[in-house]
Amino acid sequence: MRAGKVAGDAQKGAAFSEALRMRDSRSETVAVWGVVLLIAVLGAAYTIHDMPAERARRVDAADRALKALPPVTFHGYVCAEYTCAGHERGYDWAQSKGIEDPDNCPYMPNGSRAFTEGCWAEAGRPGPLPDESGRDGNP
């Protein structure tokens, strides 16, 4: 009986050792996935934290690039927007109304200085700057 008990104990010992190895293997797997998850969470937190700073750097670089460009002008008047839309509206309005005297242009209708300057340009009062945008005579 003793031999059978020893053999049974050996089997139990082997099964117990196998169970320990499996448990250790699962623990290692859980630990590895835990570390991976921790790295992912920390990486995401760093990325989210860094987004405003990176965006600010890109916006600053774009602002510097735009400021380095010469101003867009319309018949010698500096355009606030790159399309000179307000100037063009004033120019077209003056042309459609047959305005020939700049003093007959409305002064800043709806707060638009660009409209007035466009009207002045059509009526023969060019702005103080040279027009480098190619818009002179071609609104």
Protein backbone atom coordinates (compact mmCIF):
# COMPACT_ATOMS: atom_id res chain seq x y z
CA MET A 1 0.00 0.00 0.00
CA ARG A 2 2.80 2.20 0.72
CA ALA A 3 4.11 1.96 -2.84
CA GLY A 4 0.68 2.88 -4.19
CA LYS A 5 0.45 5.76 -1.78
CA VAL A 6 3.90 6.97 -2.77
CA ALA A 7 2.97 6.69 -6.44
CA GLY A 8 -0.27 8.56 -5.76
CA ASP A 9 1.61 11.20 -3.80
CA ALA A 10 4.08 11.51 -6.69
CA GLN A 11 1.21 12.01 -9.11
CA LYS A 12 -0.37 14.55 -6.81
CA GLY A 13 3.00 16.27 -6.47
CA ALA A 14 3.43 16.35 -10.26
CA ALA A 15 -0.11 17.67 -10.70
CA PHE A 16 0.51 20.27 -8.01
CA SER A 17 3.78 21.33 -9.71
CA GLU A 18 1.98 21.59 -13.04
CA ALA A 19 -0.77 23.67 -11.44
CA LEU A 20 1.87 25.98 -9.93
CA ARG A 21 3.58 26.33 -13.33
CA MET A 22 0.24 27.15 -14.98
CA ARG A 23 -0.63 29.61 -12.24
CA ASP A 24 2.80 31.23 -12.56
CA SER A 25 2.36 31.33 -16.34
CA ARG A 26 -1.06 32.98 -15.98
CA SER A 27 0.36 35.41 -13.45
CA GLU A 28 3.15 36.31 -15.84
CA THR A 29 0.64 36.78 -18.66
CA VAL A 30 -1.55 38.97 -16.47
CA ALA A 31 1.51 40.91 -15.34
CA VAL A 32 2.69 41.43 -18.93
CA TRP A 33 -0.76 42.61 -20.04
CA GLY A 34 -0.95 44.83 -16.99
CA VAL A 35 2.33 46.48 -17.95
CA VAL A 36 1.17 46.86 -21.57
CA LEU A 37 -2.07 48.45 -20.39
CA LEU A 38 -0.21 50.78 -18.03
CA ILE A 39 2.13 51.89 -20.84
CA ALA A 40 -0.85 52.48 -23.15
CA VAL A 41 -2.70 54.54 -20.55
CA LEU A 42 0.38 56.60 -19.70
CA GLY A 43 1.13 57.11 -23.40
CA ALA A 44 -2.42 58.27 -24.06
CA ALA A 45 -2.30 60.61 -21.07
CA TYR A 46 1.00 62.06 -22.29
CA THR A 47 -0.37 62.48 -25.81
CA ILE A 48 -3.53 64.17 -24.57
CA HIS A 49 -1.50 66.39 -22.26
CA ASP A 50 0.92 67.28 -25.07
CA MET A 51 -1.79 68.05 -27.69
CA PRO A 52 -2.40 71.68 -26.68
CA ALA A 53 1.34 72.41 -26.63
CA GLU A 54 1.89 70.78 -30.02
CA ARG A 55 -1.12 72.56 -31.51
CA ALA A 56 0.14 75.87 -30.12
CA ARG A 57 3.55 75.25 -31.72
CA ARG A 58 1.91 74.55 -35.10
CA VAL A 59 -0.32 77.63 -34.85
CA ASP A 60 2.66 79.80 -33.92
CA ALA A 61 4.64 78.46 -36.88
CA ALA A 62 1.71 79.16 -39.22
CA ASP A 63 1.31 82.69 -37.82
CA ARG A 64 5.02 83.41 -38.33
CA ALA A 65 4.81 82.10 -41.90
CA LEU A 66 1.78 84.30 -42.66
CA LYS A 67 3.40 87.38 -41.12
CA ALA A 68 6.46 86.82 -43.29
CA LEU A 69 4.33 87.20 -46.43
CA PRO A 70 3.80 90.65 -47.91
CA PRO A 71 0.34 92.06 -47.23
CA VAL A 72 -2.38 91.42 -49.78
CA THR A 73 -3.52 94.72 -51.21
CA PHE A 74 -6.41 95.94 -53.32
CA HIS A 75 -5.59 99.08 -55.31
CA GLY A 76 -3.11 100.06 -52.60
CA TYR A 77 -5.32 99.27 -49.60
CA VAL A 78 -4.30 96.45 -47.26
CA CYS A 79 -6.83 93.64 -47.14
CA ALA A 80 -7.66 92.23 -43.71
CA GLU A 81 -8.71 88.96 -45.30
CA TYR A 82 -6.76 87.30 -48.11
CA THR A 83 -9.67 87.42 -50.52
CA CYS A 84 -10.17 91.22 -50.33
CA ALA A 85 -13.90 90.47 -50.47
CA GLY A 86 -14.95 93.67 -48.66
CA HIS A 87 -12.86 95.81 -51.00
CA GLU A 88 -14.27 94.02 -54.01
CA ARG A 89 -17.86 94.56 -52.80
CA GLY A 90 -17.23 98.29 -52.36
CA TYR A 91 -15.51 98.51 -55.76
CA ASP A 92 -18.35 96.67 -57.49
CA TRP A 93 -20.97 98.77 -55.69
CA ALA A 94 -19.28 102.03 -56.75
CA GLN A 95 -19.00 100.77 -60.30
CA SER A 96 -22.67 99.79 -60.43
CA LYS A 97 -23.73 103.19 -59.00
CA GLY A 98 -21.42 105.16 -61.28
CA ILE A 99 -19.57 106.78 -58.33
CA GLU A 100 -16.80 109.04 -59.64
CA ASP A 101 -16.11 111.19 -56.57
CA PRO A 102 -14.58 109.38 -53.55
CA ASP A 103 -16.46 111.78 -51.26
CA ASN A 104 -19.71 110.16 -52.43
CA CYS A 105 -18.67 106.77 -51.04
CA PRO A 106 -20.44 105.70 -47.85
CA TYR A 107 -18.08 105.79 -44.91
CA MET A 108 -17.80 102.39 -43.25
CA PRO A 109 -21.29 101.00 -43.88
CA ASN A 110 -21.96 98.22 -41.39
CA GLY A 111 -18.51 98.92 -39.93
CA SER A 112 -16.74 97.88 -43.13
CA ARG A 113 -13.74 100.07 -43.84
CA ALA A 114 -12.84 97.66 -46.63
CA PHE A 115 -16.10 98.45 -48.47
CA THR A 116 -15.32 102.19 -48.28
CA GLU A 117 -11.76 101.66 -49.50
CA GLY A 118 -13.05 99.56 -52.41
CA CYS A 119 -15.45 102.35 -53.32
CA TRP A 120 -12.63 104.92 -53.07
CA ALA A 121 -10.46 102.75 -55.35
CA GLU A 122 -13.18 102.68 -58.03
CA ALA A 123 -13.77 106.42 -57.66
CA GLY A 124 -10.11 107.17 -58.28
CA ARG A 125 -8.54 107.38 -54.80
CA PRO A 126 -5.92 104.61 -54.66
CA GLY A 127 -4.51 103.49 -51.34
CA PRO A 128 -1.10 104.46 -50.01
CA LEU A 129 0.63 101.16 -50.78
CA PRO A 130 1.74 99.74 -54.10
CA ASP A 131 -0.57 96.97 -55.21
CA GLU A 132 1.55 93.83 -55.49
CA SER A 133 -1.33 91.39 -55.58
CA GLY A 134 -2.13 91.93 -59.26
CA ARG A 135 -5.58 93.30 -58.36
CA ASP A 136 -5.03 96.84 -59.72
CA GLY A 137 -7.58 97.33 -62.42
CA ASN A 138 -8.78 93.77 -61.96
CA PRO A 139 -10.96 93.62 -58.85
